[in-house]
Full PDB file with SEQRES, HELIX, SHEET, SSBOND, CRYST1, ORIGX, SCALE, CONECT and MASTER records, all heavy atoms in Angstrom:
SEQRES   1 A   37  SER PRO ALA LEU LEU HIS ALA CYS ARG GLY ARG GLU ILE          
SEQRES   2 A   37  PHE PHE GLU ASN SER ASP GLY ARG ILE VAL LEU VAL TYR          
SEQRES   3 A   37  PRO MET HIS GLY LYS VAL ILE LEU GLY THR THR                  
HELIX    1 AA1 PRO A    2  CYS A    8  1                                   7    
SHEET    1 AA1 3 ILE A  13  GLU A  16  0                                        
SHEET    2 AA1 3 ILE A  22  MET A  28 -1                                        
SHEET    3 AA1 3 LYS A  31  GLY A  35 -1                                        
CRYST1    1.000    1.000    1.000  90.00  90.00  90.00 P 1           1          
ORIGX1      1.000000  0.000000  0.000000        0.00000                         
ORIGX2      0.000000  1.000000  0.000000        0.00000                         
ORIGX3      0.000000  0.000000  1.000000        0.00000                         
SCALE1      1.000000  0.000000  0.000000        0.00000                         
SCALE2      0.000000  1.000000  0.000000        0.00000                         
SCALE3      0.000000  0.000000  1.000000        0.00000                         
ATOM      1  N   SER A   1      -9.868  -5.650   0.589  1.00  0.00           N  
ATOM      2  CA  SER A   1     -10.612  -4.415   0.333  1.00  0.00           C  
ATOM      3  C   SER A   1     -10.620  -4.165  -1.162  1.00  0.00           C  
ATOM      4  O   SER A   1      -9.643  -3.644  -1.722  1.00  0.00           O  
ATOM      5  CB  SER A   1      -9.971  -3.229   1.068  1.00  0.00           C  
ATOM      6  OG  SER A   1     -10.527  -1.998   0.619  1.00  0.00           O  
ATOM      7  N   PRO A   2     -11.687  -4.532  -1.852  1.00  0.00           N  
ATOM      8  CA  PRO A   2     -11.740  -4.290  -3.299  1.00  0.00           C  
ATOM      9  C   PRO A   2     -11.516  -2.822  -3.657  1.00  0.00           C  
ATOM     10  O   PRO A   2     -10.884  -2.515  -4.674  1.00  0.00           O  
ATOM     11  CB  PRO A   2     -13.149  -4.757  -3.674  1.00  0.00           C  
ATOM     12  CG  PRO A   2     -13.494  -5.791  -2.638  1.00  0.00           C  
ATOM     13  CD  PRO A   2     -12.860  -5.289  -1.372  1.00  0.00           C  
ATOM     14  N   ALA A   3     -11.998  -1.912  -2.817  1.00  0.00           N  
ATOM     15  CA  ALA A   3     -11.830  -0.484  -3.104  1.00  0.00           C  
ATOM     16  C   ALA A   3     -10.364  -0.078  -3.022  1.00  0.00           C  
ATOM     17  O   ALA A   3      -9.859   0.658  -3.875  1.00  0.00           O  
ATOM     18  CB  ALA A   3     -12.668   0.347  -2.135  1.00  0.00           C  
ATOM     19  N   LEU A   4      -9.664  -0.569  -1.988  1.00  0.00           N  
ATOM     20  CA  LEU A   4      -8.241  -0.236  -1.841  1.00  0.00           C  
ATOM     21  C   LEU A   4      -7.419  -0.898  -2.944  1.00  0.00           C  
ATOM     22  O   LEU A   4      -6.482  -0.305  -3.481  1.00  0.00           O  
ATOM     23  CB  LEU A   4      -7.750  -0.685  -0.461  1.00  0.00           C  
ATOM     24  CG  LEU A   4      -6.355  -0.236  -0.050  1.00  0.00           C  
ATOM     25  CD1 LEU A   4      -6.265   1.281  -0.004  1.00  0.00           C  
ATOM     26  CD2 LEU A   4      -5.980  -0.831   1.309  1.00  0.00           C  
ATOM     27  N   LEU A   5      -7.788  -2.126  -3.291  1.00  0.00           N  
ATOM     28  CA  LEU A   5      -7.103  -2.830  -4.374  1.00  0.00           C  
ATOM     29  C   LEU A   5      -7.243  -2.056  -5.677  1.00  0.00           C  
ATOM     30  O   LEU A   5      -6.265  -1.854  -6.414  1.00  0.00           O  
ATOM     31  CB  LEU A   5      -7.694  -4.240  -4.513  1.00  0.00           C  
ATOM     32  CG  LEU A   5      -7.082  -5.135  -5.591  1.00  0.00           C  
ATOM     33  CD1 LEU A   5      -5.651  -5.496  -5.249  1.00  0.00           C  
ATOM     34  CD2 LEU A   5      -7.926  -6.405  -5.776  1.00  0.00           C  
ATOM     35  N   HIS A   6      -8.434  -1.583  -5.952  1.00  0.00           N  
ATOM     36  CA  HIS A   6      -8.665  -0.823  -7.179  1.00  0.00           C  
ATOM     37  C   HIS A   6      -7.927   0.512  -7.142  1.00  0.00           C  
ATOM     38  O   HIS A   6      -7.391   0.964  -8.162  1.00  0.00           O  
ATOM     39  CB  HIS A   6     -10.161  -0.588  -7.367  1.00  0.00           C  
ATOM     40  CG  HIS A   6     -10.511   0.156  -8.623  1.00  0.00           C  
ATOM     41  ND1 HIS A   6     -10.333  -0.375  -9.880  1.00  0.00           N  
ATOM     42  CD2 HIS A   6     -11.016   1.410  -8.798  1.00  0.00           C  
ATOM     43  CE1 HIS A   6     -10.710   0.503 -10.787  1.00  0.00           C  
ATOM     44  NE2 HIS A   6     -11.131   1.596 -10.160  1.00  0.00           N  
ATOM     45  N   ALA A   7      -7.860   1.121  -5.978  1.00  0.00           N  
ATOM     46  CA  ALA A   7      -7.209   2.430  -5.841  1.00  0.00           C  
ATOM     47  C   ALA A   7      -5.726   2.364  -6.184  1.00  0.00           C  
ATOM     48  O   ALA A   7      -5.153   3.326  -6.698  1.00  0.00           O  
ATOM     49  CB  ALA A   7      -7.403   2.971  -4.434  1.00  0.00           C  
ATOM     50  N   CYS A   8      -5.096   1.221  -5.917  1.00  0.00           N  
ATOM     51  CA  CYS A   8      -3.661   1.071  -6.198  1.00  0.00           C  
ATOM     52  C   CYS A   8      -3.368   1.014  -7.689  1.00  0.00           C  
ATOM     53  O   CYS A   8      -2.237   1.301  -8.109  1.00  0.00           O  
ATOM     54  CB  CYS A   8      -3.115  -0.186  -5.515  1.00  0.00           C  
ATOM     55  SG  CYS A   8      -3.053  -0.096  -3.711  1.00  0.00           S  
ATOM     56  N   ARG A   9      -4.345   0.600  -8.488  1.00  0.00           N  
ATOM     57  CA  ARG A   9      -4.175   0.493  -9.946  1.00  0.00           C  
ATOM     58  C   ARG A   9      -2.945  -0.346 -10.306  1.00  0.00           C  
ATOM     59  O   ARG A   9      -2.211  -0.029 -11.242  1.00  0.00           O  
ATOM     60  CB  ARG A   9      -4.063   1.870 -10.601  1.00  0.00           C  
ATOM     61  CG  ARG A   9      -5.240   2.818 -10.367  1.00  0.00           C  
ATOM     62  CD  ARG A   9      -6.549   2.269 -10.930  1.00  0.00           C  
ATOM     63  NE  ARG A   9      -7.550   3.309 -11.128  1.00  0.00           N  
ATOM     64  CZ  ARG A   9      -8.386   3.779 -10.204  1.00  0.00           C  
ATOM     65  NH1 ARG A   9      -8.323   3.305  -8.962  1.00  0.00           N  
ATOM     66  NH2 ARG A   9      -9.290   4.702 -10.499  1.00  0.00           N  
ATOM     67  N   GLY A  10      -2.717  -1.427  -9.556  1.00  0.00           N  
ATOM     68  CA  GLY A  10      -1.611  -2.320  -9.858  1.00  0.00           C  
ATOM     69  C   GLY A  10      -0.253  -1.823  -9.411  1.00  0.00           C  
ATOM     70  O   GLY A  10       0.769  -2.457  -9.706  1.00  0.00           O  
ATOM     71  N   ARG A  11      -0.197  -0.705  -8.695  1.00  0.00           N  
ATOM     72  CA  ARG A  11       1.078  -0.133  -8.276  1.00  0.00           C  
ATOM     73  C   ARG A  11       1.294  -0.292  -6.768  1.00  0.00           C  
ATOM     74  O   ARG A  11       0.344  -0.380  -5.999  1.00  0.00           O  
ATOM     75  CB  ARG A  11       1.125   1.363  -8.583  1.00  0.00           C  
ATOM     76  CG  ARG A  11       0.808   1.758 -10.001  1.00  0.00           C  
ATOM     77  CD  ARG A  11       0.978   3.266 -10.146  1.00  0.00           C  
ATOM     78  NE  ARG A  11       0.436   3.751 -11.417  1.00  0.00           N  
ATOM     79  CZ  ARG A  11       0.565   4.997 -11.831  1.00  0.00           C  
ATOM     80  NH1 ARG A  11       1.216   5.886 -11.091  1.00  0.00           N  
ATOM     81  NH2 ARG A  11       0.055   5.372 -12.998  1.00  0.00           N  
ATOM     82  N   GLU A  12       2.554  -0.258  -6.405  1.00  0.00           N  
ATOM     83  CA  GLU A  12       2.889  -0.060  -5.003  1.00  0.00           C  
ATOM     84  C   GLU A  12       2.881   1.444  -4.740  1.00  0.00           C  
ATOM     85  O   GLU A  12       3.421   2.217  -5.528  1.00  0.00           O  
ATOM     86  CB  GLU A  12       4.276  -0.618  -4.686  1.00  0.00           C  
ATOM     87  CG  GLU A  12       4.712  -0.316  -3.267  1.00  0.00           C  
ATOM     88  CD  GLU A  12       6.172  -0.671  -3.025  1.00  0.00           C  
ATOM     89  OE1 GLU A  12       7.004  -0.435  -3.924  1.00  0.00           O  
ATOM     90  OE2 GLU A  12       6.464  -1.171  -1.943  1.00  0.00           O  
ATOM     91  N   ILE A  13       2.268   1.844  -3.636  1.00  0.00           N  
ATOM     92  CA  ILE A  13       2.310   3.235  -3.198  1.00  0.00           C  
ATOM     93  C   ILE A  13       3.321   3.284  -2.048  1.00  0.00           C  
ATOM     94  O   ILE A  13       3.145   2.646  -1.015  1.00  0.00           O  
ATOM     95  CB  ILE A  13       0.936   3.743  -2.735  1.00  0.00           C  
ATOM     96  CG1 ILE A  13      -0.135   3.397  -3.786  1.00  0.00           C  
ATOM     97  CG2 ILE A  13       0.993   5.231  -2.463  1.00  0.00           C  
ATOM     98  CD1 ILE A  13       0.104   3.987  -5.154  1.00  0.00           C  
ATOM     99  N   PHE A  14       4.366   4.033  -2.274  1.00  0.00           N  
ATOM    100  CA  PHE A  14       5.548   4.041  -1.398  1.00  0.00           C  
ATOM    101  C   PHE A  14       5.737   5.473  -0.923  1.00  0.00           C  
ATOM    102  O   PHE A  14       5.986   6.366  -1.732  1.00  0.00           O  
ATOM    103  CB  PHE A  14       6.747   3.574  -2.239  1.00  0.00           C  
ATOM    104  CG  PHE A  14       8.035   3.383  -1.499  1.00  0.00           C  
ATOM    105  CD1 PHE A  14       8.260   2.258  -0.733  1.00  0.00           C  
ATOM    106  CD2 PHE A  14       9.055   4.329  -1.607  1.00  0.00           C  
ATOM    107  CE1 PHE A  14       9.473   2.061  -0.088  1.00  0.00           C  
ATOM    108  CE2 PHE A  14      10.269   4.145  -0.967  1.00  0.00           C  
ATOM    109  CZ  PHE A  14      10.475   3.000  -0.202  1.00  0.00           C  
ATOM    110  N   PHE A  15       5.566   5.706   0.373  1.00  0.00           N  
ATOM    111  CA  PHE A  15       5.557   7.094   0.808  1.00  0.00           C  
ATOM    112  C   PHE A  15       6.090   7.225   2.229  1.00  0.00           C  
ATOM    113  O   PHE A  15       6.328   6.236   2.933  1.00  0.00           O  
ATOM    114  CB  PHE A  15       4.139   7.668   0.716  1.00  0.00           C  
ATOM    115  CG  PHE A  15       3.148   7.030   1.659  1.00  0.00           C  
ATOM    116  CD1 PHE A  15       2.786   7.649   2.841  1.00  0.00           C  
ATOM    117  CD2 PHE A  15       2.576   5.815   1.351  1.00  0.00           C  
ATOM    118  CE1 PHE A  15       1.877   7.056   3.702  1.00  0.00           C  
ATOM    119  CE2 PHE A  15       1.664   5.213   2.201  1.00  0.00           C  
ATOM    120  CZ  PHE A  15       1.311   5.838   3.387  1.00  0.00           C  
ATOM    121  N   GLU A  16       6.284   8.463   2.613  1.00  0.00           N  
ATOM    122  CA  GLU A  16       6.835   8.774   3.918  1.00  0.00           C  
ATOM    123  C   GLU A  16       5.715   9.164   4.861  1.00  0.00           C  
ATOM    124  O   GLU A  16       4.966  10.115   4.606  1.00  0.00           O  
ATOM    125  CB  GLU A  16       7.847   9.915   3.791  1.00  0.00           C  
ATOM    126  CG  GLU A  16       8.598  10.222   5.061  1.00  0.00           C  
ATOM    127  CD  GLU A  16       9.668  11.276   4.823  1.00  0.00           C  
ATOM    128  OE1 GLU A  16       9.714  11.854   3.715  1.00  0.00           O  
ATOM    129  OE2 GLU A  16      10.463  11.519   5.739  1.00  0.00           O  
ATOM    130  N   ASN A  17       5.589   8.428   5.960  1.00  0.00           N  
ATOM    131  CA  ASN A  17       4.559   8.749   6.930  1.00  0.00           C  
ATOM    132  C   ASN A  17       4.995   9.952   7.766  1.00  0.00           C  
ATOM    133  O   ASN A  17       6.143  10.383   7.727  1.00  0.00           O  
ATOM    134  CB  ASN A  17       4.277   7.544   7.821  1.00  0.00           C  
ATOM    135  CG  ASN A  17       2.869   7.558   8.386  1.00  0.00           C  
ATOM    136  OD1 ASN A  17       2.024   8.347   7.966  1.00  0.00           O  
ATOM    137  ND2 ASN A  17       2.609   6.689   9.327  1.00  0.00           N  
ATOM    138  N   SER A  18       4.081  10.480   8.559  1.00  0.00           N  
ATOM    139  CA  SER A  18       4.373  11.672   9.343  1.00  0.00           C  
ATOM    140  C   SER A  18       5.492  11.478  10.349  1.00  0.00           C  
ATOM    141  O   SER A  18       6.128  12.435  10.781  1.00  0.00           O  
ATOM    142  CB  SER A  18       3.103  12.134  10.068  1.00  0.00           C  
ATOM    143  OG  SER A  18       2.579  11.081  10.867  1.00  0.00           O  
ATOM    144  N   ASP A  19       5.778  10.208  10.740  1.00  0.00           N  
ATOM    145  CA  ASP A  19       6.858   9.944  11.692  1.00  0.00           C  
ATOM    146  C   ASP A  19       8.202   9.728  10.995  1.00  0.00           C  
ATOM    147  O   ASP A  19       9.195   9.387  11.628  1.00  0.00           O  
ATOM    148  CB  ASP A  19       6.523   8.724  12.555  1.00  0.00           C  
ATOM    149  CG  ASP A  19       6.310   7.450  11.736  1.00  0.00           C  
ATOM    150  OD1 ASP A  19       6.440   7.514  10.491  1.00  0.00           O  
ATOM    151  OD2 ASP A  19       6.017   6.403  12.332  1.00  0.00           O  
ATOM    152  N   GLY A  20       8.235   9.916   9.666  1.00  0.00           N  
ATOM    153  CA  GLY A  20       9.476   9.739   8.923  1.00  0.00           C  
ATOM    154  C   GLY A  20       9.699   8.337   8.419  1.00  0.00           C  
ATOM    155  O   GLY A  20      10.625   8.088   7.641  1.00  0.00           O  
ATOM    156  N   ARG A  21       8.867   7.371   8.848  1.00  0.00           N  
ATOM    157  CA  ARG A  21       9.022   5.995   8.428  1.00  0.00           C  
ATOM    158  C   ARG A  21       8.521   5.819   7.000  1.00  0.00           C  
ATOM    159  O   ARG A  21       7.452   6.315   6.629  1.00  0.00           O  
ATOM    160  CB  ARG A  21       8.249   5.063   9.369  1.00  0.00           C  
ATOM    161  CG  ARG A  21       8.210   3.596   8.950  1.00  0.00           C  
ATOM    162  CD  ARG A  21       9.564   2.958   9.020  1.00  0.00           C  
ATOM    163  NE  ARG A  21       9.561   1.646   8.398  1.00  0.00           N  
ATOM    164  CZ  ARG A  21      10.643   1.027   7.934  1.00  0.00           C  
ATOM    165  NH1 ARG A  21      11.820   1.602   8.029  1.00  0.00           N  
ATOM    166  NH2 ARG A  21      10.576  -0.160   7.378  1.00  0.00           N  
ATOM    167  N   ILE A  22       9.301   5.150   6.151  1.00  0.00           N  
ATOM    168  CA  ILE A  22       8.867   4.826   4.791  1.00  0.00           C  
ATOM    169  C   ILE A  22       7.921   3.632   4.874  1.00  0.00           C  
ATOM    170  O   ILE A  22       8.266   2.582   5.426  1.00  0.00           O  
ATOM    171  CB  ILE A  22      10.071   4.484   3.895  1.00  0.00           C  
ATOM    172  CG1 ILE A  22      11.038   5.677   3.836  1.00  0.00           C  
ATOM    173  CG2 ILE A  22       9.594   4.113   2.499  1.00  0.00           C  
ATOM    174  CD1 ILE A  22      10.464   6.923   3.221  1.00  0.00           C  
ATOM    175  N   VAL A  23       6.746   3.792   4.328  1.00  0.00           N  
ATOM    176  CA  VAL A  23       5.734   2.743   4.412  1.00  0.00           C  
ATOM    177  C   VAL A  23       5.199   2.443   3.012  1.00  0.00           C  
ATOM    178  O   VAL A  23       5.458   3.178   2.055  1.00  0.00           O  
ATOM    179  CB  VAL A  23       4.591   3.147   5.360  1.00  0.00           C  
ATOM    180  CG1 VAL A  23       5.069   3.197   6.800  1.00  0.00           C  
ATOM    181  CG2 VAL A  23       4.013   4.507   4.971  1.00  0.00           C  
ATOM    182  N   LEU A  24       4.446   1.372   2.903  1.00  0.00           N  
ATOM    183  CA  LEU A  24       4.015   0.925   1.581  1.00  0.00           C  
ATOM    184  C   LEU A  24       2.606   0.345   1.622  1.00  0.00           C  
ATOM    185  O   LEU A  24       2.157  -0.187   2.640  1.00  0.00           O  
ATOM    186  CB  LEU A  24       4.997  -0.117   1.034  1.00  0.00           C  
ATOM    187  CG  LEU A  24       5.325  -1.311   1.934  1.00  0.00           C  
ATOM    188  CD1 LEU A  24       4.396  -2.487   1.641  1.00  0.00           C  
ATOM    189  CD2 LEU A  24       6.766  -1.729   1.756  1.00  0.00           C  
ATOM    190  N   VAL A  25       1.943   0.471   0.493  1.00  0.00           N  
ATOM    191  CA  VAL A  25       0.629  -0.119   0.263  1.00  0.00           C  
ATOM    192  C   VAL A  25       0.673  -0.685  -1.148  1.00  0.00           C  
ATOM    193  O   VAL A  25       0.936   0.050  -2.098  1.00  0.00           O  
ATOM    194  CB  VAL A  25      -0.494   0.942   0.354  1.00  0.00           C  
ATOM    195  CG1 VAL A  25      -1.848   0.297   0.096  1.00  0.00           C  
ATOM    196  CG2 VAL A  25      -0.477   1.651   1.696  1.00  0.00           C  
ATOM    197  N   TYR A  26       0.442  -2.014  -1.282  1.00  0.00           N  
ATOM    198  CA  TYR A  26       0.452  -2.513  -2.668  1.00  0.00           C  
ATOM    199  C   TYR A  26      -0.287  -3.839  -2.813  1.00  0.00           C  
ATOM    200  O   TYR A  26      -0.461  -4.581  -1.853  1.00  0.00           O  
ATOM    201  CB  TYR A  26       1.862  -2.583  -3.217  1.00  0.00           C  
ATOM    202  CG  TYR A  26       2.758  -3.722  -2.801  1.00  0.00           C  
ATOM    203  CD1 TYR A  26       3.023  -4.775  -3.662  1.00  0.00           C  
ATOM    204  CD2 TYR A  26       3.420  -3.706  -1.569  1.00  0.00           C  
ATOM    205  CE1 TYR A  26       3.890  -5.780  -3.322  1.00  0.00           C  
ATOM    206  CE2 TYR A  26       4.302  -4.704  -1.219  1.00  0.00           C  
ATOM    207  CZ  TYR A  26       4.533  -5.749  -2.104  1.00  0.00           C  
ATOM    208  OH  TYR A  26       5.407  -6.741  -1.750  1.00  0.00           O  
ATOM    209  N   PRO A  27      -0.773  -4.101  -4.034  1.00  0.00           N  
ATOM    210  CA  PRO A  27      -1.601  -5.283  -4.278  1.00  0.00           C  
ATOM    211  C   PRO A  27      -0.764  -6.550  -4.388  1.00  0.00           C  
ATOM    212  O   PRO A  27       0.352  -6.540  -4.898  1.00  0.00           O  
ATOM    213  CB  PRO A  27      -2.275  -4.965  -5.615  1.00  0.00           C  
ATOM    214  CG  PRO A  27      -1.332  -4.021  -6.302  1.00  0.00           C  
ATOM    215  CD  PRO A  27      -0.675  -3.225  -5.218  1.00  0.00           C  
ATOM    216  N   MET A  28      -1.351  -7.643  -3.915  1.00  0.00           N  
ATOM    217  CA  MET A  28      -0.687  -8.944  -3.977  1.00  0.00           C  
ATOM    218  C   MET A  28      -1.750 -10.029  -3.869  1.00  0.00           C  
ATOM    219  O   MET A  28      -2.505 -10.076  -2.889  1.00  0.00           O  
ATOM    220  CB  MET A  28       0.327  -9.067  -2.838  1.00  0.00           C  
ATOM    221  CG  MET A  28       1.001 -10.424  -2.701  1.00  0.00           C  
ATOM    222  SD  MET A  28       2.254 -10.747  -3.950  1.00  0.00           S  
ATOM    223  CE  MET A  28       3.536  -9.607  -3.465  1.00  0.00           C  
ATOM    224  N   HIS A  29      -1.835 -10.901  -4.856  1.00  0.00           N  
ATOM    225  CA  HIS A  29      -2.770 -12.033  -4.857  1.00  0.00           C  
ATOM    226  C   HIS A  29      -4.217 -11.595  -4.590  1.00  0.00           C  
ATOM    227  O   HIS A  29      -4.963 -12.271  -3.879  1.00  0.00           O  
ATOM    228  CB  HIS A  29      -2.346 -13.073  -3.825  1.00  0.00           C  
ATOM    229  CG  HIS A  29      -0.985 -13.637  -4.051  1.00  0.00           C  
ATOM    230  ND1 HIS A  29      -0.581 -14.192  -5.237  1.00  0.00           N  
ATOM    231  CD2 HIS A  29       0.100 -13.710  -3.217  1.00  0.00           C  
ATOM    232  CE1 HIS A  29       0.682 -14.586  -5.142  1.00  0.00           C  
ATOM    233  NE2 HIS A  29       1.114 -14.300  -3.937  1.00  0.00           N  
ATOM    234  N   GLY A  30      -4.599 -10.462  -5.163  1.00  0.00           N  
ATOM    235  CA  GLY A  30      -5.972 -10.003  -5.014  1.00  0.00           C  
ATOM    236  C   GLY A  30      -6.268  -9.326  -3.694  1.00  0.00           C  
ATOM    237  O   GLY A  30      -7.414  -8.913  -3.453  1.00  0.00           O  
ATOM    238  N   LYS A  31      -5.273  -9.199  -2.844  1.00  0.00           N  
ATOM    239  CA  LYS A  31      -5.411  -8.493  -1.570  1.00  0.00           C  
ATOM    240  C   LYS A  31      -4.455  -7.309  -1.573  1.00  0.00           C  
ATOM    241  O   LYS A  31      -3.800  -7.028  -2.567  1.00  0.00           O  
ATOM    242  CB  LYS A  31      -5.108  -9.439  -0.404  1.00  0.00           C  
ATOM    243  CG  LYS A  31      -5.943 -10.717  -0.387  1.00  0.00           C  
ATOM    244  CD  LYS A  31      -7.421 -10.420  -0.249  1.00  0.00           C  
ATOM    245  CE  LYS A  31      -8.287 -11.679  -0.104  1.00  0.00           C  
ATOM    246  NZ  LYS A  31      -8.360 -12.482  -1.331  1.00  0.00           N  
ATOM    247  N   VAL A  32      -4.357  -6.592  -0.444  1.00  0.00           N  
ATOM    248  CA  VAL A  32      -3.466  -5.438  -0.351  1.00  0.00           C  
ATOM    249  C   VAL A  32      -2.614  -5.570   0.901  1.00  0.00           C  
ATOM    250  O   VAL A  32      -3.142  -5.798   2.001  1.00  0.00           O  
ATOM    251  CB  VAL A  32      -4.251  -4.118  -0.310  1.00  0.00           C  
ATOM    252  CG1 VAL A  32      -3.284  -2.928  -0.240  1.00  0.00           C  
ATOM    253  CG2 VAL A  32      -5.164  -3.986  -1.522  1.00  0.00           C  
ATOM    254  N   ILE A  33      -1.285  -5.445   0.723  1.00  0.00           N  
ATOM    255  CA  ILE A  33      -0.352  -5.444   1.846  1.00  0.00           C  
ATOM    256  C   ILE A  33      -0.174  -4.016   2.342  1.00  0.00           C  
ATOM    257  O   ILE A  33      -0.010  -3.095   1.549  1.00  0.00           O  
ATOM    258  CB  ILE A  33       1.028  -5.990   1.432  1.00  0.00           C  
ATOM    259  CG1 ILE A  33       0.937  -7.445   0.978  1.00  0.00           C  
ATOM    260  CG2 ILE A  33       2.034  -5.867   2.567  1.00  0.00           C  
ATOM    261  CD1 ILE A  33       2.257  -8.006   0.483  1.00  0.00           C  
ATOM    262  N   LEU A  34      -0.196  -3.852   3.664  1.00  0.00           N  
ATOM    263  CA  LEU A  34       0.170  -2.587   4.277  1.00  0.00           C  
ATOM    264  C   LEU A  34       1.315  -2.847   5.243  1.00  0.00           C  
ATOM    265  O   LEU A  34       1.240  -3.768   6.074  1.00  0.00           O  
ATOM    266  CB  LEU A  34      -1.005  -1.963   5.033  1.00  0.00           C  
ATOM    267  CG  LEU A  34      -2.143  -1.365   4.198  1.00  0.00           C  
ATOM    268  CD1 LEU A  34      -3.132  -2.446   3.778  1.00  0.00           C  
ATOM    269  CD2 LEU A  34      -2.882  -0.294   4.992  1.00  0.00           C  
ATOM    270  N   GLY A  35       2.381  -2.093   5.116  1.00  0.00           N  
ATOM    271  CA  GLY A  35       3.523  -2.277   6.011  1.00  0.00           C  
ATOM    272  C   GLY A  35       4.451  -1.081   5.899  1.00  0.00           C  
ATOM    273  O   GLY A  35       4.200  -0.172   5.115  1.00  0.00           O  
ATOM    274  N   THR A  36       5.487  -1.031   6.615  1.00  0.00           N  
ATOM    275  CA  THR A  36       5.935  -1.946   7.629  1.00  0.00           C  
ATOM    276  C   THR A  36       6.440  -1.119   8.790  1.00  0.00           C  
ATOM    277  O   THR A  36       6.553   0.101   8.674  1.00  0.00           O  
ATOM    278  CB  THR A  36       7.026  -2.911   7.106  1.00  0.00           C  
ATOM    279  OG1 THR A  36       7.508  -3.746   8.143  1.00  0.00           O  
ATOM    280  CG2 THR A  36       8.159  -2.163   6.457  1.00  0.00           C  
ATOM    281  N   THR A  37       6.749  -1.751   9.887  1.00  0.00           N  
ATOM    282  CA  THR A  37       7.279  -1.062  11.047  1.00  0.00           C  
ATOM    283  C   THR A  37       8.756  -1.394  11.208  1.00  0.00           C  
ATOM    284  O   THR A  37       9.301  -2.247  10.510  1.00  0.00           O  
ATOM    285  CB  THR A  37       6.502  -1.464  12.309  1.00  0.00           C  
ATOM    286  OG1 THR A  37       6.427  -2.896  12.377  1.00  0.00           O  
ATOM    287  CG2 THR A  37       5.092  -0.893  12.279  1.00  0.00           C  
TER     288      THR A  37                                                      
MASTER        0    0    0    1    3    0    0    6  287    1    0    3          
END                                                                             
């Protein structure tokens, strides 16, 4: 997702989801990882 990749601006976005789970979104090799469970 070029839009999501650009939105990260080279950073990992590390946040708490509504269920209390710490989750992450961050760029890697031109793609974006979303995790984790």
